[in-house]
């Protein structure tokens, strides 16, 4: 088997991550032209699979850069904005019944992005365990709704879990002094906070001594 060059190692996970954005217009077209069922389900499953494995591949190849991790989160946002658009156009009544949950989720997403940009000057990419669970639950809810016109508790549960994920992400951002990628849960954020605080104290002590 030929050895991968540095450029190829970079290209593979970047192609997997950026390629996911192509599913957004495809799913929109399928939904608006009435091609639901297995076609939409296949696109959503493919997007979720790529979302899971692009990070794994990047880590295995040793090219899991902070920029790639942040771009992974951006692709998630783009895809699910497309899903929200489709849902609003095709299943308005279903989303309207859950308008307060949906409004709460959107408000928390905007609050998180705003807080992260104000504090860190960039979006966060924590890839929490809770967000991975949310991604799978949301994927299942979207497949049920767009693929097979099935709504109910699954969609409501996905919206509630999404709000809770944003709350956890906001707490992590509040705890950290500096932005860090891949913070799986609040306990890890507390540990990083102590480490960052200790580094700050050491730096301040050194600066004071140097004067």
C-alpha atoms as a PDB file:
ATOM      1  CA  UNK A   1       0.000   0.000   0.000  1.00  0.00           C
ATOM      2  CA  UNK A   2       1.527   3.385  -1.024  1.00  0.00           C
ATOM      3  CA  UNK A   3       2.465   5.728   1.786  1.00  0.00           C
ATOM      4  CA  UNK A   4       0.243   8.781   2.104  1.00  0.00           C
ATOM      5  CA  UNK A   5       1.918  12.131   1.567  1.00  0.00           C
ATOM      6  CA  UNK A   6       1.386  15.028   3.969  1.00  0.00           C
ATOM      7  CA  UNK A   7      -0.906  16.713   1.436  1.00  0.00           C
ATOM      8  CA  UNK A   8      -3.030  13.572   1.056  1.00  0.00           C
ATOM      9  CA  UNK A   9      -3.344  13.210   4.812  1.00  0.00           C
ATOM     10  CA  UNK A  10      -4.673  16.756   4.977  1.00  0.00           C
ATOM     11  CA  UNK A  11      -6.943  16.300   1.954  1.00  0.00           C
ATOM     12  CA  UNK A  12      -8.805  13.200   3.136  1.00  0.00           C
ATOM     13  CA  UNK A  13     -10.422  14.571   6.350  1.00  0.00           C
ATOM     14  CA  UNK A  14     -10.919  18.032   4.817  1.00  0.00           C
ATOM     15  CA  UNK A  15     -12.776  16.448   1.885  1.00  0.00           C
ATOM     16  CA  UNK A  16     -14.938  14.462   4.305  1.00  0.00           C
ATOM     17  CA  UNK A  17     -15.744  17.549   6.370  1.00  0.00           C
ATOM     18  CA  UNK A  18     -16.346  20.043   3.560  1.00  0.00           C
ATOM     19  CA  UNK A  19     -18.090  17.438   1.423  1.00  0.00           C
ATOM     20  CA  UNK A  20     -20.857  17.222   3.998  1.00  0.00           C
ATOM     21  CA  UNK A  21     -22.145  20.641   2.938  1.00  0.00           C
ATOM     22  CA  UNK A  22     -23.212  19.109  -0.400  1.00  0.00           C
ATOM     23  CA  UNK A  23     -25.930  17.140   1.372  1.00  0.00           C
ATOM     24  CA  UNK A  24     -27.758  20.346   2.343  1.00  0.00           C
ATOM     25  CA  UNK A  25     -28.903  21.367  -1.187  1.00  0.00           C
ATOM     26  CA  UNK A  26     -29.512  17.733  -2.127  1.00  0.00           C
ATOM     27  CA  UNK A  27     -31.843  17.162   0.829  1.00  0.00           C
ATOM     28  CA  UNK A  28     -33.615  20.470   0.139  1.00  0.00           C
ATOM     29  CA  UNK A  29     -34.197  19.457  -3.485  1.00  0.00           C
ATOM     30  CA  UNK A  30     -35.408  15.984  -2.534  1.00  0.00           C
ATOM     31  CA  UNK A  31     -37.851  17.333   0.033  1.00  0.00           C
ATOM     32  CA  UNK A  32     -39.250  20.161  -2.098  1.00  0.00           C
ATOM     33  CA  UNK A  33     -39.774  17.849  -5.078  1.00  0.00           C
ATOM     34  CA  UNK A  34     -41.593  15.260  -2.993  1.00  0.00           C
ATOM     35  CA  UNK A  35     -38.860  12.627  -3.044  1.00  0.00           C
ATOM     36  CA  UNK A  36     -38.982  11.599   0.595  1.00  0.00           C
ATOM     37  CA  UNK A  37     -38.500   8.198   2.179  1.00  0.00           C
ATOM     38  CA  UNK A  38     -35.273   6.327   1.660  1.00  0.00           C
ATOM     39  CA  UNK A  39     -33.554   8.982  -0.489  1.00  0.00           C
ATOM     40  CA  UNK A  40     -33.657  11.642   2.209  1.00  0.00           C
ATOM     41  CA  UNK A  41     -32.901   9.058   4.882  1.00  0.00           C
ATOM     42  CA  UNK A  42     -29.812   7.904   2.971  1.00  0.00           C
ATOM     43  CA  UNK A  43     -28.509  11.484   2.683  1.00  0.00           C
ATOM     44  CA  UNK A  44     -28.998  12.151   6.390  1.00  0.00           C
ATOM     45  CA  UNK A  45     -27.357   8.861   7.380  1.00  0.00           C
ATOM     46  CA  UNK A  46     -24.413   9.619   5.069  1.00  0.00           C
ATOM     47  CA  UNK A  47     -24.026  13.080   6.601  1.00  0.00           C
ATOM     48  CA  UNK A  48     -24.084  11.683  10.131  1.00  0.00           C
ATOM     49  CA  UNK A  49     -21.575   8.944   9.249  1.00  0.00           C
ATOM     50  CA  UNK A  50     -19.179  11.477   7.705  1.00  0.00           C
ATOM     51  CA  UNK A  51     -19.655  13.714  10.733  1.00  0.00           C
ATOM     52  CA  UNK A  52     -18.577  10.849  12.998  1.00  0.00           C
ATOM     53  CA  UNK A  53     -15.671   9.562  10.951  1.00  0.00           C
ATOM     54  CA  UNK A  54     -14.037  12.757   9.666  1.00  0.00           C
ATOM     55  CA  UNK A  55     -12.685  13.467  13.137  1.00  0.00           C
ATOM     56  CA  UNK A  56     -11.630   9.856  13.662  1.00  0.00           C
ATOM     57  CA  UNK A  57      -9.773   9.810  10.340  1.00  0.00           C
ATOM     58  CA  UNK A  58      -8.111  13.162  11.074  1.00  0.00           C
ATOM     59  CA  UNK A  59      -6.868  11.915  14.450  1.00  0.00           C
ATOM     60  CA  UNK A  60      -5.601   8.640  12.977  1.00  0.00           C
ATOM     61  CA  UNK A  61      -3.681  10.574  10.300  1.00  0.00           C
ATOM     62  CA  UNK A  62      -2.380  13.096  12.842  1.00  0.00           C
ATOM     63  CA  UNK A  63      -3.957  16.127  11.129  1.00  0.00           C
ATOM     64  CA  UNK A  64      -6.767  16.997  13.561  1.00  0.00           C
ATOM     65  CA  UNK A  65      -6.050  20.734  13.635  1.00  0.00           C
ATOM     66  CA  UNK A  66      -8.153  23.269  15.596  1.00  0.00           C
ATOM     67  CA  UNK A  67      -9.281  24.818  12.298  1.00  0.00           C
ATOM     68  CA  UNK A  68     -10.564  21.465  11.040  1.00  0.00           C
ATOM     69  CA  UNK A  69     -12.422  20.856  14.296  1.00  0.00           C
ATOM     70  CA  UNK A  70     -14.075  24.284  14.124  1.00  0.00           C
ATOM     71  CA  UNK A  71     -14.993  23.739  10.469  1.00  0.00           C
ATOM     72  CA  UNK A  72     -16.648  20.467  11.501  1.00  0.00           C
ATOM     73  CA  UNK A  73     -18.971  22.458  13.775  1.00  0.00           C
ATOM     74  CA  UNK A  74     -19.665  24.965  10.991  1.00  0.00           C
ATOM     75  CA  UNK A  75     -20.714  22.157   8.639  1.00  0.00           C
ATOM     76  CA  UNK A  76     -23.084  20.829  11.318  1.00  0.00           C
ATOM     77  CA  UNK A  77     -24.695  24.264  11.577  1.00  0.00           C
ATOM     78  CA  UNK A  78     -25.101  24.651   7.806  1.00  0.00           C
ATOM     79  CA  UNK A  79     -26.660  21.219   7.394  1.00  0.00           C
ATOM     80  CA  UNK A  80     -29.166  21.600  10.200  1.00  0.00           C
ATOM     81  CA  UNK A  81     -30.129  25.097   9.054  1.00  0.00           C
ATOM     82  CA  UNK A  82     -31.029  23.432   5.755  1.00  0.00           C
ATOM     83  CA  UNK A  83     -33.044  20.842   7.676  1.00  0.00           C
ATOM     84  CA  UNK A  84     -34.849  23.615   9.570  1.00  0.00           C
ATOM     85  CA  UNK A  85     -35.710  25.329   6.276  1.00  0.00           C
ATOM     86  CA  UNK A  86     -37.102  22.105   4.843  1.00  0.00           C
ATOM     87  CA  UNK A  87     -39.102  21.379   7.971  1.00  0.00           C
ATOM     88  CA  UNK A  88     -40.601  24.860   7.946  1.00  0.00           C
ATOM     89  CA  UNK A  89     -41.560  24.564   4.266  1.00  0.00           C
ATOM     90  CA  UNK A  90     -42.856  20.990   4.245  1.00  0.00           C
ATOM     91  CA  UNK A  91     -43.941  20.330   7.850  1.00  0.00           C
ATOM     92  CA  UNK A  92     -44.902  23.781   9.092  1.00  0.00           C
ATOM     93  CA  UNK A  93     -47.683  22.442  11.320  1.00  0.00           C
ATOM     94  CA  UNK A  94     -45.351  19.997  13.090  1.00  0.00           C
ATOM     95  CA  UNK A  95     -42.774  22.679  13.865  1.00  0.00           C
ATOM     96  CA  UNK A  96     -45.448  25.198  14.850  1.00  0.00           C
ATOM     97  CA  UNK A  97     -46.721  22.782  17.495  1.00  0.00           C
ATOM     98  CA  UNK A  98     -43.193  22.802  18.934  1.00  0.00           C
ATOM     99  CA  UNK A  99     -42.517  26.493  18.326  1.00  0.00           C
ATOM    100  CA  UNK A 100     -41.490  27.241  21.919  1.00  0.00           C
ATOM    101  CA  UNK A 101     -38.972  24.397  22.004  1.00  0.00           C
ATOM    102  CA  UNK A 102     -37.694  25.450  18.588  1.00  0.00           C
ATOM    103  CA  UNK A 103     -37.464  29.091  19.642  1.00  0.00           C
ATOM    104  CA  UNK A 104     -35.600  28.067  22.798  1.00  0.00           C
ATOM    105  CA  UNK A 105     -33.121  26.017  20.798  1.00  0.00           C
ATOM    106  CA  UNK A 106     -32.480  28.818  18.286  1.00  0.00           C
ATOM    107  CA  UNK A 107     -32.101  31.366  21.104  1.00  0.00           C
ATOM    108  CA  UNK A 108     -29.583  29.165  22.904  1.00  0.00           C
ATOM    109  CA  UNK A 109     -27.621  28.569  19.692  1.00  0.00           C
ATOM    110  CA  UNK A 110     -27.415  32.333  19.049  1.00  0.00           C
ATOM    111  CA  UNK A 111     -26.493  32.996  22.675  1.00  0.00           C
ATOM    112  CA  UNK A 112     -23.704  30.412  22.553  1.00  0.00           C
ATOM    113  CA  UNK A 113     -22.218  31.730  19.313  1.00  0.00           C
ATOM    114  CA  UNK A 114     -22.419  35.331  20.541  1.00  0.00           C
ATOM    115  CA  UNK A 115     -20.841  34.508  23.896  1.00  0.00           C
ATOM    116  CA  UNK A 116     -18.029  32.503  22.284  1.00  0.00           C
ATOM    117  CA  UNK A 117     -17.215  35.267  19.809  1.00  0.00           C
ATOM    118  CA  UNK A 118     -17.254  37.927  22.503  1.00  0.00           C
ATOM    119  CA  UNK A 119     -15.029  35.913  24.825  1.00  0.00           C
ATOM    120  CA  UNK A 120     -12.763  33.971  22.452  1.00  0.00           C
ATOM    121  CA  UNK A 121     -13.185  35.856  19.138  1.00  0.00           C
ATOM    122  CA  UNK A 122     -14.143  32.590  17.422  1.00  0.00           C
ATOM    123  CA  UNK A 123     -16.708  29.820  17.568  1.00  0.00           C
ATOM    124  CA  UNK A 124     -16.203  26.964  20.007  1.00  0.00           C
ATOM    125  CA  UNK A 125     -15.721  23.338  18.911  1.00  0.00           C
ATOM    126  CA  UNK A 126     -16.059  21.277  22.074  1.00  0.00           C
ATOM    127  CA  UNK A 127     -17.511  18.103  20.494  1.00  0.00           C
ATOM    128  CA  UNK A 128     -19.121  17.159  23.791  1.00  0.00           C
ATOM    129  CA  UNK A 129     -20.473  13.689  24.451  1.00  0.00           C
ATOM    130  CA  UNK A 130     -23.911  15.232  24.873  1.00  0.00           C
ATOM    131  CA  UNK A 131     -23.708  16.902  21.461  1.00  0.00           C
ATOM    132  CA  UNK A 132     -22.810  13.576  19.837  1.00  0.00           C
ATOM    133  CA  UNK A 133     -25.874  12.001  21.448  1.00  0.00           C
ATOM    134  CA  UNK A 134     -27.935  14.972  20.301  1.00  0.00           C
ATOM    135  CA  UNK A 135     -26.662  14.580  16.741  1.00  0.00           C
ATOM    136  CA  UNK A 136     -27.763  10.943  16.623  1.00  0.00           C
ATOM    137  CA  UNK A 137     -31.154  11.706  18.193  1.00  0.00           C
ATOM    138  CA  UNK A 138     -31.726  14.668  15.887  1.00  0.00           C
ATOM    139  CA  UNK A 139     -30.715  12.591  12.886  1.00  0.00           C
ATOM    140  CA  UNK A 140     -33.253   9.922  13.835  1.00  0.00           C
ATOM    141  CA  UNK A 141     -35.974  12.551  14.383  1.00  0.00           C
ATOM    142  CA  UNK A 142     -35.253  14.213  11.032  1.00  0.00           C
ATOM    143  CA  UNK A 143     -35.304  10.866   9.198  1.00  0.00           C
ATOM    144  CA  UNK A 144     -38.640  10.034  10.821  1.00  0.00           C
ATOM    145  CA  UNK A 145     -40.128  13.422   9.917  1.00  0.00           C
ATOM    146  CA  UNK A 146     -38.714  14.162   6.455  1.00  0.00           C
ATOM    147  CA  UNK A 147     -38.279  10.600   5.312  1.00  0.00           C
ATOM    148  CA  UNK A 148     -41.475   8.991   6.551  1.00  0.00           C
ATOM    149  CA  UNK A 149     -43.723  11.835   7.814  1.00  0.00           C
ATOM    150  CA  UNK A 150     -43.533  10.539  11.381  1.00  0.00           C
ATOM    151  CA  UNK A 151     -43.517  13.144  14.142  1.00  0.00           C
ATOM    152  CA  UNK A 152     -44.095  12.965  17.866  1.00  0.00           C
ATOM    153  CA  UNK A 153     -42.034  12.532  20.987  1.00  0.00           C
ATOM    154  CA  UNK A 154     -38.780  11.861  19.089  1.00  0.00           C
ATOM    155  CA  UNK A 155     -38.669  15.365  17.580  1.00  0.00           C
ATOM    156  CA  UNK A 156     -39.651  16.984  20.873  1.00  0.00           C
ATOM    157  CA  UNK A 157     -36.975  14.993  22.701  1.00  0.00           C
ATOM    158  CA  UNK A 158     -34.365  16.053  20.134  1.00  0.00           C
ATOM    159  CA  UNK A 159     -35.209  19.728  20.646  1.00  0.00           C
ATOM    160  CA  UNK A 160     -35.037  19.392  24.447  1.00  0.00           C
ATOM    161  CA  UNK A 161     -31.690  17.584  24.303  1.00  0.00           C
ATOM    162  CA  UNK A 162     -30.403  20.259  21.918  1.00  0.00           C
ATOM    163  CA  UNK A 163     -31.262  22.993  24.413  1.00  0.00           C
ATOM    164  CA  UNK A 164     -29.518  21.068  27.202  1.00  0.00           C
ATOM    165  CA  UNK A 165     -26.433  20.634  24.999  1.00  0.00           C
ATOM    166  CA  UNK A 166     -26.287  24.373  24.388  1.00  0.00           C
ATOM    167  CA  UNK A 167     -26.579  25.007  28.117  1.00  0.00           C
ATOM    168  CA  UNK A 168     -23.640  22.662  28.741  1.00  0.00           C
ATOM    169  CA  UNK A 169     -21.618  24.328  25.977  1.00  0.00           C
ATOM    170  CA  UNK A 170     -22.358  27.765  27.409  1.00  0.00           C
ATOM    171  CA  UNK A 171     -21.264  26.655  30.883  1.00  0.00           C
ATOM    172  CA  UNK A 172     -18.012  25.258  29.439  1.00  0.00           C
ATOM    173  CA  UNK A 173     -17.324  28.535  27.621  1.00  0.00           C
ATOM    174  CA  UNK A 174     -17.985  30.454  30.839  1.00  0.00           C
ATOM    175  CA  UNK A 175     -15.602  28.224  32.794  1.00  0.00           C
ATOM    176  CA  UNK A 176     -12.661  28.379  30.384  1.00  0.00           C
ATOM    177  CA  UNK A 177     -10.249  31.302  30.315  1.00  0.00           C
ATOM    178  CA  UNK A 178      -9.047  30.350  26.820  1.00  0.00           C
ATOM    179  CA  UNK A 179     -10.748  28.539  23.959  1.00  0.00           C
ATOM    180  CA  UNK A 180      -9.907  24.831  23.729  1.00  0.00           C
ATOM    181  CA  UNK A 181     -11.097  22.259  21.189  1.00  0.00           C
ATOM    182  CA  UNK A 182     -12.526  18.878  22.196  1.00  0.00           C
ATOM    183  CA  UNK A 183     -13.866  19.388  25.717  1.00  0.00           C
ATOM    184  CA  UNK A 184     -16.180  16.374  26.174  1.00  0.00           C
ATOM    185  CA  UNK A 185     -17.979  17.447  29.370  1.00  0.00           C
ATOM    186  CA  UNK A 186     -18.113  19.988  32.191  1.00  0.00           C
ATOM    187  CA  UNK A 187     -15.819  17.937  34.454  1.00  0.00           C
ATOM    188  CA  UNK A 188     -13.064  18.226  31.839  1.00  0.00           C
ATOM    189  CA  UNK A 189     -13.761  21.959  31.546  1.00  0.00           C
ATOM    190  CA  UNK A 190     -13.266  22.354  35.308  1.00  0.00           C
ATOM    191  CA  UNK A 191      -9.929  20.555  35.060  1.00  0.00           C
ATOM    192  CA  UNK A 192      -8.846  22.774  32.154  1.00  0.00           C
ATOM    193  CA  UNK A 193      -9.948  25.858  34.087  1.00  0.00           C
ATOM    194  CA  UNK A 194      -7.648  24.930  36.970  1.00  0.00           C
ATOM    195  CA  UNK A 195      -4.761  24.310  34.557  1.00  0.00           C
ATOM    196  CA  UNK A 196      -5.336  27.601  32.740  1.00  0.00           C
ATOM    197  CA  UNK A 197      -5.611  29.492  36.018  1.00  0.00           C
ATOM    198  CA  UNK A 198      -2.335  27.970  37.215  1.00  0.00           C
ATOM    199  CA  UNK A 199      -0.595  28.966  33.972  1.00  0.00           C
ATOM    200  CA  UNK A 200      -1.898  32.496  34.314  1.00  0.00           C
ATOM    201  CA  UNK A 201      -0.646  32.746  37.867  1.00  0.00           C
ATOM    202  CA  UNK A 202       2.755  31.410  36.859  1.00  0.00           C
ATOM    203  CA  UNK A 203       2.954  33.874  33.982  1.00  0.00           C
ATOM    204  CA  UNK A 204       1.970  36.796  36.194  1.00  0.00           C
ATOM    205  CA  UNK A 205       4.488  35.752  38.829  1.00  0.00           C
ATOM    206  CA  UNK A 206       7.239  35.498  36.223  1.00  0.00           C
ATOM    207  CA  UNK A 207       6.319  38.891  34.766  1.00  0.00           C
ATOM    208  CA  UNK A 208       6.339  40.501  38.212  1.00  0.00           C
ATOM    209  CA  UNK A 209       9.697  38.921  39.003  1.00  0.00           C
ATOM    210  CA  UNK A 210      11.172  40.077  35.698  1.00  0.00           C
ATOM    211  CA  UNK A 211      10.242  43.660  36.495  1.00  0.00           C
END
